[in-house]
Amino acid sequence: MARFDVTDAEWALIEPHLPVAATGPLPRRMREQFNGILWRFRTGSGWRDVPERYGPWSTVYSRFNNWANAGVFQGLMEALIAEAAARGQVGLELVSVDSTIVRAHQESAGLAVAGETLDALEQALTEEKGAPLAEQPPVLRVMRPRPHPRPARHRRTSAPLSGDAVRRGRRRPRSADPGAG
């Protein structure tokens, strides 16, 4: 067992919440693949860098992708939190958000809100705080930028049009002589 792999006690809590097909063979290396998924996210490495002891990287990725799409990790988290709550071990010390790893997208700097929505929010704030709207600090209204028009695309033709072909919308035939250029 590697340094940060799940222990037997941890695996006993996790295993019942991982899906196993009703038919077919039982997955032989599910614990190793789970550890491989954890290794990948703990190190921040690419899937192709997952060590061979966890199995082929493509299998570990496929297992992760299938479980993520099926909501297995969300269910596992909820089940583990419920188990901890049943044991009386849930507390705010379990929650940790570190600003060194939390990143906001560049577009999250401003919120585009329609005028009616902003007015409703201001009204709700006024009712909640009990202060008249005039005493509230001014609110910055952010409008959505208008999309830039896309430039028109021009079709390329393989052979230039000439004379009658231009009038009829046809291309001039190419020469059959391979030396003609």
C-alpha atoms as a PDB file:
ATOM      1  CA  MET A   1       0.000   0.000   0.000  1.00  0.00           C
ATOM      2  CA  ALA A   2       1.338   3.424  -0.955  1.00  0.00           C
ATOM      3  CA  ARG A   3       1.760   6.324   1.434  1.00  0.00           C
ATOM      4  CA  PHE A   4      -1.581   8.109   0.906  1.00  0.00           C
ATOM      5  CA  ASP A   5      -3.771   5.177  -0.131  1.00  0.00           C
ATOM      6  CA  VAL A   6      -6.988   4.672   1.823  1.00  0.00           C
ATOM      7  CA  THR A   7      -6.621   2.491   4.895  1.00  0.00           C
ATOM      8  CA  ASP A   8      -8.650  -0.652   5.538  1.00  0.00           C
ATOM      9  CA  ALA A   9     -10.923   1.246   7.939  1.00  0.00           C
ATOM     10  CA  GLU A  10     -11.508   4.016   5.391  1.00  0.00           C
ATOM     11  CA  TRP A  11     -12.146   1.470   2.650  1.00  0.00           C
ATOM     12  CA  ALA A  12     -14.733  -0.272   4.843  1.00  0.00           C
ATOM     13  CA  LEU A  13     -16.675   3.027   4.926  1.00  0.00           C
ATOM     14  CA  ILE A  14     -16.218   3.812   1.219  1.00  0.00           C
ATOM     15  CA  GLU A  15     -16.723   0.447  -0.494  1.00  0.00           C
ATOM     16  CA  PRO A  16     -20.472  -0.026   0.189  1.00  0.00           C
ATOM     17  CA  HIS A  17     -21.210   3.257  -1.617  1.00  0.00           C
ATOM     18  CA  LEU A  18     -19.370   2.420  -4.842  1.00  0.00           C
ATOM     19  CA  PRO A  19     -21.534   0.917  -7.575  1.00  0.00           C
ATOM     20  CA  VAL A  20     -21.142  -2.667  -8.701  1.00  0.00           C
ATOM     21  CA  ALA A  21     -23.106  -3.979 -11.686  1.00  0.00           C
ATOM     22  CA  ALA A  22     -25.937  -6.405 -10.919  1.00  0.00           C
ATOM     23  CA  THR A  23     -24.551  -8.833 -13.464  1.00  0.00           C
ATOM     24  CA  GLY A  24     -21.072  -9.616 -14.634  1.00  0.00           C
ATOM     25  CA  PRO A  25     -17.815 -10.091 -12.784  1.00  0.00           C
ATOM     26  CA  LEU A  26     -16.957  -8.046  -9.725  1.00  0.00           C
ATOM     27  CA  PRO A  27     -14.271  -5.436 -10.379  1.00  0.00           C
ATOM     28  CA  ARG A  28     -11.010  -6.922  -9.129  1.00  0.00           C
ATOM     29  CA  ARG A  29      -9.050  -3.738  -8.679  1.00  0.00           C
ATOM     30  CA  MET A  30     -11.695  -1.229  -7.605  1.00  0.00           C
ATOM     31  CA  ARG A  31      -9.755  -0.185  -4.486  1.00  0.00           C
ATOM     32  CA  GLU A  32      -6.561   0.363  -6.488  1.00  0.00           C
ATOM     33  CA  GLN A  33      -8.478   2.373  -9.090  1.00  0.00           C
ATOM     34  CA  PHE A  34     -10.108   4.482  -6.358  1.00  0.00           C
ATOM     35  CA  ASN A  35      -6.654   5.122  -4.904  1.00  0.00           C
ATOM     36  CA  GLY A  36      -5.437   6.034  -8.402  1.00  0.00           C
ATOM     37  CA  ILE A  37      -8.212   8.613  -8.728  1.00  0.00           C
ATOM     38  CA  LEU A  38      -7.282  10.088  -5.352  1.00  0.00           C
ATOM     39  CA  TRP A  39      -3.587  10.084  -6.318  1.00  0.00           C
ATOM     40  CA  ARG A  40      -4.313  11.967  -9.537  1.00  0.00           C
ATOM     41  CA  PHE A  41      -6.260  14.746  -7.806  1.00  0.00           C
ATOM     42  CA  ARG A  42      -3.922  14.932  -4.804  1.00  0.00           C
ATOM     43  CA  THR A  43      -0.865  15.429  -7.017  1.00  0.00           C
ATOM     44  CA  GLY A  44      -2.502  17.488  -9.767  1.00  0.00           C
ATOM     45  CA  SER A  45      -0.831  15.305 -12.384  1.00  0.00           C
ATOM     46  CA  GLY A  46      -2.309  14.258 -15.691  1.00  0.00           C
ATOM     47  CA  TRP A  47      -4.169  10.993 -16.091  1.00  0.00           C
ATOM     48  CA  ARG A  48      -1.309   9.517 -18.091  1.00  0.00           C
ATOM     49  CA  ASP A  49       1.001  10.004 -15.095  1.00  0.00           C
ATOM     50  CA  VAL A  50      -1.025   7.756 -12.768  1.00  0.00           C
ATOM     51  CA  PRO A  51       1.404   5.074 -11.468  1.00  0.00           C
ATOM     52  CA  GLU A  52       1.049   1.553 -12.840  1.00  0.00           C
ATOM     53  CA  ARG A  53       0.344   0.150  -9.354  1.00  0.00           C
ATOM     54  CA  TYR A  54      -3.183   1.574  -9.731  1.00  0.00           C
ATOM     55  CA  GLY A  55      -3.717  -0.103 -13.084  1.00  0.00           C
ATOM     56  CA  PRO A  56      -3.691   1.325 -16.604  1.00  0.00           C
ATOM     57  CA  TRP A  57      -4.278   5.075 -16.571  1.00  0.00           C
ATOM     58  CA  SER A  58      -7.075   4.735 -19.138  1.00  0.00           C
ATOM     59  CA  THR A  59      -8.956   2.313 -16.872  1.00  0.00           C
ATOM     60  CA  VAL A  60      -8.547   4.611 -13.864  1.00  0.00           C
ATOM     61  CA  TYR A  61      -9.794   7.549 -15.954  1.00  0.00           C
ATOM     62  CA  SER A  62     -12.742   5.537 -17.313  1.00  0.00           C
ATOM     63  CA  ARG A  63     -13.719   4.491 -13.803  1.00  0.00           C
ATOM     64  CA  PHE A  64     -13.535   8.127 -12.616  1.00  0.00           C
ATOM     65  CA  ASN A  65     -15.484   9.426 -15.618  1.00  0.00           C
ATOM     66  CA  ASN A  66     -18.262   6.843 -15.219  1.00  0.00           C
ATOM     67  CA  TRP A  67     -18.558   7.480 -11.488  1.00  0.00           C
ATOM     68  CA  ALA A  68     -18.512  11.260 -11.914  1.00  0.00           C
ATOM     69  CA  ASN A  69     -21.251  11.153 -14.561  1.00  0.00           C
ATOM     70  CA  ALA A  70     -23.356   8.819 -12.395  1.00  0.00           C
ATOM     71  CA  GLY A  71     -23.043  11.095  -9.330  1.00  0.00           C
ATOM     72  CA  VAL A  72     -21.188   8.469  -7.285  1.00  0.00           C
ATOM     73  CA  PHE A  73     -18.794  10.952  -5.687  1.00  0.00           C
ATOM     74  CA  GLN A  74     -21.635  13.238  -4.602  1.00  0.00           C
ATOM     75  CA  GLY A  75     -23.474  10.276  -3.089  1.00  0.00           C
ATOM     76  CA  LEU A  76     -20.288   9.065  -1.410  1.00  0.00           C
ATOM     77  CA  MET A  77     -19.683  12.502   0.133  1.00  0.00           C
ATOM     78  CA  GLU A  78     -23.250  12.721   1.412  1.00  0.00           C
ATOM     79  CA  ALA A  79     -23.069   9.188   2.850  1.00  0.00           C
ATOM     80  CA  LEU A  80     -19.755   9.859   4.593  1.00  0.00           C
ATOM     81  CA  ILE A  81     -21.075  13.111   6.073  1.00  0.00           C
ATOM     82  CA  ALA A  82     -24.208  11.282   7.277  1.00  0.00           C
ATOM     83  CA  GLU A  83     -22.026   8.554   8.813  1.00  0.00           C
ATOM     84  CA  ALA A  84     -19.904  11.176  10.578  1.00  0.00           C
ATOM     85  CA  ALA A  85     -23.063  12.933  11.821  1.00  0.00           C
ATOM     86  CA  ALA A  86     -24.394   9.640  13.177  1.00  0.00           C
ATOM     87  CA  ARG A  87     -21.152   9.236  15.120  1.00  0.00           C
ATOM     88  CA  GLY A  88     -21.316  12.840  16.347  1.00  0.00           C
ATOM     89  CA  GLN A  89     -18.147  13.758  14.463  1.00  0.00           C
ATOM     90  CA  VAL A  90     -19.482  16.532  12.220  1.00  0.00           C
ATOM     91  CA  GLY A  91     -18.201  20.024  12.880  1.00  0.00           C
ATOM     92  CA  LEU A  92     -17.145  23.153  11.064  1.00  0.00           C
ATOM     93  CA  GLU A  93     -13.518  22.076  11.389  1.00  0.00           C
ATOM     94  CA  LEU A  94     -14.268  19.600   8.574  1.00  0.00           C
ATOM     95  CA  VAL A  95     -14.903  22.496   6.186  1.00  0.00           C
ATOM     96  CA  SER A  96     -11.852  24.206   4.763  1.00  0.00           C
ATOM     97  CA  VAL A  97     -11.672  26.644   1.887  1.00  0.00           C
ATOM     98  CA  ASP A  98      -8.204  27.928   1.181  1.00  0.00           C
ATOM     99  CA  SER A  99      -7.939  31.025  -0.974  1.00  0.00           C
ATOM    100  CA  THR A 100      -4.648  29.819  -2.426  1.00  0.00           C
ATOM    101  CA  ILE A 101      -6.454  27.088  -4.334  1.00  0.00           C
ATOM    102  CA  VAL A 102      -9.846  28.671  -4.972  1.00  0.00           C
ATOM    103  CA  ARG A 103      -9.847  30.592  -8.202  1.00  0.00           C
ATOM    104  CA  ALA A 104     -12.611  32.663  -9.725  1.00  0.00           C
ATOM    105  CA  HIS A 105     -13.089  32.929 -13.454  1.00  0.00           C
ATOM    106  CA  GLN A 106     -12.261  36.321 -14.920  1.00  0.00           C
ATOM    107  CA  GLU A 107     -15.904  36.828 -15.851  1.00  0.00           C
ATOM    108  CA  SER A 108     -16.982  36.430 -12.222  1.00  0.00           C
ATOM    109  CA  ALA A 109     -15.787  39.943 -11.396  1.00  0.00           C
ATOM    110  CA  GLY A 110     -19.142  41.519 -12.231  1.00  0.00           C
ATOM    111  CA  LEU A 111     -22.695  40.293 -12.148  1.00  0.00           C
ATOM    112  CA  ALA A 112     -24.962  41.231 -15.027  1.00  0.00           C
ATOM    113  CA  VAL A 113     -28.441  41.808 -13.621  1.00  0.00           C
ATOM    114  CA  ALA A 114     -31.518  42.977 -15.471  1.00  0.00           C
ATOM    115  CA  GLY A 115     -32.985  46.245 -14.235  1.00  0.00           C
ATOM    116  CA  GLU A 116     -36.215  44.655 -12.961  1.00  0.00           C
ATOM    117  CA  THR A 117     -34.285  41.996 -11.037  1.00  0.00           C
ATOM    118  CA  LEU A 118     -32.020  44.595  -9.472  1.00  0.00           C
ATOM    119  CA  ASP A 119     -35.027  46.697  -8.471  1.00  0.00           C
ATOM    120  CA  ALA A 120     -36.643  43.640  -6.855  1.00  0.00           C
ATOM    121  CA  LEU A 121     -33.421  42.872  -4.976  1.00  0.00           C
ATOM    122  CA  GLU A 122     -33.205  46.470  -3.747  1.00  0.00           C
ATOM    123  CA  GLN A 123     -36.842  46.320  -2.616  1.00  0.00           C
ATOM    124  CA  ALA A 124     -36.239  43.042  -0.742  1.00  0.00           C
ATOM    125  CA  LEU A 125     -33.158  44.526   0.937  1.00  0.00           C
ATOM    126  CA  THR A 126     -35.168  47.570   1.961  1.00  0.00           C
ATOM    127  CA  GLU A 127     -37.925  45.415   3.440  1.00  0.00           C
ATOM    128  CA  GLU A 128     -35.427  43.187   5.271  1.00  0.00           C
ATOM    129  CA  LYS A 129     -33.318  45.991   6.719  1.00  0.00           C
ATOM    130  CA  GLY A 130     -36.226  48.306   7.370  1.00  0.00           C
ATOM    131  CA  ALA A 131     -34.329  51.220   5.886  1.00  0.00           C
ATOM    132  CA  PRO A 132     -35.846  53.389   3.192  1.00  0.00           C
ATOM    133  CA  LEU A 133     -34.325  52.949  -0.252  1.00  0.00           C
ATOM    134  CA  ALA A 134     -33.023  56.515  -0.340  1.00  0.00           C
ATOM    135  CA  GLU A 135     -30.697  55.772   2.603  1.00  0.00           C
ATOM    136  CA  GLN A 136     -29.180  52.763   0.863  1.00  0.00           C
ATOM    137  CA  PRO A 137     -25.797  53.273  -0.809  1.00  0.00           C
ATOM    138  CA  PRO A 138     -25.938  53.548  -4.589  1.00  0.00           C
ATOM    139  CA  VAL A 139     -25.845  50.242  -6.444  1.00  0.00           C
ATOM    140  CA  LEU A 140     -23.681  49.774  -9.491  1.00  0.00           C
ATOM    141  CA  ARG A 141     -25.729  48.542 -12.411  1.00  0.00           C
ATOM    142  CA  VAL A 142     -23.822  46.276 -14.743  1.00  0.00           C
ATOM    143  CA  MET A 143     -25.095  45.849 -18.245  1.00  0.00           C
ATOM    144  CA  ARG A 144     -24.208  42.972 -20.521  1.00  0.00           C
ATOM    145  CA  PRO A 145     -21.835  43.923 -23.312  1.00  0.00           C
ATOM    146  CA  ARG A 146     -23.242  43.726 -26.787  1.00  0.00           C
ATOM    147  CA  PRO A 147     -21.859  40.872 -28.845  1.00  0.00           C
ATOM    148  CA  HIS A 148     -19.464  41.869 -31.581  1.00  0.00           C
ATOM    149  CA  PRO A 149     -20.738  41.193 -35.100  1.00  0.00           C
ATOM    150  CA  ARG A 150     -18.874  38.368 -36.759  1.00  0.00           C
ATOM    151  CA  PRO A 151     -17.068  39.161 -39.976  1.00  0.00           C
ATOM    152  CA  ALA A 152     -18.593  37.674 -43.091  1.00  0.00           C
ATOM    153  CA  ARG A 153     -16.853  34.607 -44.432  1.00  0.00           C
ATOM    154  CA  HIS A 154     -15.841  34.502 -48.057  1.00  0.00           C
ATOM    155  CA  ARG A 155     -15.840  31.314 -50.060  1.00  0.00           C
ATOM    156  CA  ARG A 156     -12.675  30.404 -51.834  1.00  0.00           C
ATOM    157  CA  THR A 157     -12.830  29.019 -55.290  1.00  0.00           C
ATOM    158  CA  SER A 158     -10.288  26.563 -56.582  1.00  0.00           C
ATOM    159  CA  ALA A 159     -10.311  27.971 -60.112  1.00  0.00           C
ATOM    160  CA  PRO A 160     -10.927  31.614 -61.030  1.00  0.00           C
ATOM    161  CA  LEU A 161     -14.186  32.471 -62.742  1.00  0.00           C
ATOM    162  CA  SER A 162     -14.078  33.878 -66.241  1.00  0.00           C
ATOM    163  CA  GLY A 163     -16.349  35.438 -68.889  1.00  0.00           C
ATOM    164  CA  ASP A 164     -19.516  33.383 -69.379  1.00  0.00           C
ATOM    165  CA  ALA A 165     -18.836  31.301 -66.298  1.00  0.00           C
ATOM    166  CA  VAL A 166     -19.086  34.414 -64.118  1.00  0.00           C
ATOM    167  CA  ARG A 167     -22.453  35.263 -65.577  1.00  0.00           C
ATOM    168  CA  ARG A 168     -23.738  31.697 -65.130  1.00  0.00           C
ATOM    169  CA  GLY A 169     -22.033  31.169 -61.746  1.00  0.00           C
ATOM    170  CA  ARG A 170     -19.774  28.333 -62.991  1.00  0.00           C
ATOM    171  CA  ARG A 171     -16.043  27.832 -62.703  1.00  0.00           C
ATOM    172  CA  ARG A 172     -13.720  27.714 -65.654  1.00  0.00           C
ATOM    173  CA  PRO A 173     -12.614  24.107 -66.305  1.00  0.00           C
ATOM    174  CA  ARG A 174      -8.982  23.306 -65.565  1.00  0.00           C
ATOM    175  CA  SER A 175      -6.607  22.307 -68.276  1.00  0.00           C
ATOM    176  CA  ALA A 176      -6.082  18.577 -68.818  1.00  0.00           C
ATOM    177  CA  ASP A 177      -2.376  19.214 -69.570  1.00  0.00           C
ATOM    178  CA  PRO A 178      -0.398  18.374 -66.397  1.00  0.00           C
ATOM    179  CA  GLY A 179       2.307  20.884 -67.360  1.00  0.00           C
ATOM    180  CA  ALA A 180      -0.168  23.762 -67.522  1.00  0.00           C
ATOM    181  CA  GLY A 181      -0.222  25.646 -64.418  1.00  0.00           C
END
